[in-house]
Every structure is written in C-alpha cells, then in structure tokens.
C-alpha cells in the first residue's frame, strides 16, 4: 500500500514578533511540523505497519525551512521525502499549494493520501479538499479512525454537535485527519541517523509545469499586506439598566458601521 502524506512546516510567531514592510519579519518566525500533519503521518505509518509492506512518502511545499521538517518525518518512519521548493514569490494560497502537490503526487499513483485537517498558521482547512478535487479522488474530512481491509477503508469522522459518522470508501482516496486520532511517535536517535540516508528529492514548480504566472493566475486569494490594528482610546464604560445599555450599544454600532 502506497500512502502519501503532504506535510507543512507551520510558522509560529515568537514573543517579540515584528512587521517589516507589510510582512512578518523572518527572524520573528519559528517553524515546526504542523500538528495535524504529524497525526496524518502517524496514521499512515500505522496502516503501513499493519499491512506489513508498502511505502509512506511525505511531500512538502516551501523554502529552506522545510528541510528540518522532512528530516523529522523520515526519522519517524517515512520511507522517502519530496520537497517542492518555492521561494518567497509567489505568495501561495491553499489552492496554489494544492496545485503543486497534485502535479507532484499524481505520477506516484498512491493508494491513499492522508492530509491534516488544517494547519496551525493558515487554518483554512482547504488544501486537502482542493487536492482531492484536482486528483479526482473521493474525500472524507475530519477523520478520527481508519481501518483498511480488502481495498476498502472504513472511517469514522466528526460531525457537528459531537456526532460521529461511519463511512466506507474504496481506495484510492484522500482523507483529512483530525488531531486526537493518535499520538504521533517521537523520532528516536536511531531514526534520526537512518533518516539522513533515506531518499530526499527536490523539485521546482517549473519542473512540475507550473511557473509563477500560472500559480498566481490560479490563486483564489492573495496576501497584500499585514499591519497592526489601530490603537483605540480604551474601554468605554456604559451605565444604566439593561434597556439603557442596549440602546447605547445600538447607537455605538450604528456609528461604527455608518448607518
């Protein structure tokens, strides 16, 4: 069973994060493998181990910060890694990342793709869904359990209100995995040593037939800049009974929205 796991090195702001010309100063960012993706990788490794054979391949889109994250995934037990190397431009949205992943993953013809439900920094929960659409694969979202037998997958996924839905889907398919499905294993010293010997490949968007112009043309959104919110004048205390306070709040809202 060949399983592909797209992983993201998610960015977190340090305690003294700064903005530099409409973007976050690079020195203010700390990188680590996205928590949801680690759960997806652990699920993939568990399925592969249960089958007794197969291959787990990790893919990641990004710059040089991706290297350590891929090494972590290989140390956990992934068999090989593919880095889709992009620079700072263009600024990729979820659809752009999905387009790159689709081009890179399609030649592998995997039996299963496991994605994290979302990333801790972007939190769009869109990349896995877009990837499934681009590869014309059936998709199940927010998966909490996975069982594989006879070429079919039985999964349980979260619904609103604490409900759980049980579904059966035939491979190949794409599942987006929720945290809590498992406890990702730690990379051992032996695993780290072995990871350095495992195959790691780097490809560029151009090699995948997608240049900057094509990625920007297909983008659903673009980040144009970041700024600190304007400083307000502090809290305004409202006095009176419930009716009087409600009337004051309504007046403030009308003033703020201009109606």
Foldseek 3Di string as FASTA:
>chain_A
DEEEQEKEFDWDFDPDWDDDPFHTDPVRIDTEIFPLSLVLLQQVVVVCVVVVHYAYEYEYEEAPVCVVRLLFSQLLPHQEYEYAHDDPPPPFDLLLVLVLCLLVCVVVQGFEYEYACAGPHPRPSCNQVNNCVVNVFAEDEQWQEWDDDDQKIWTWHADPPRDIDIDIGGTPHYYHYYPPSDDRDGRDPVSSVVSVVHYYHYDYVVVSVADSVNSVVPHPDGRPGDDDDDDDPDDDDDDDDPVRVVVVVVVVVCVVVVD
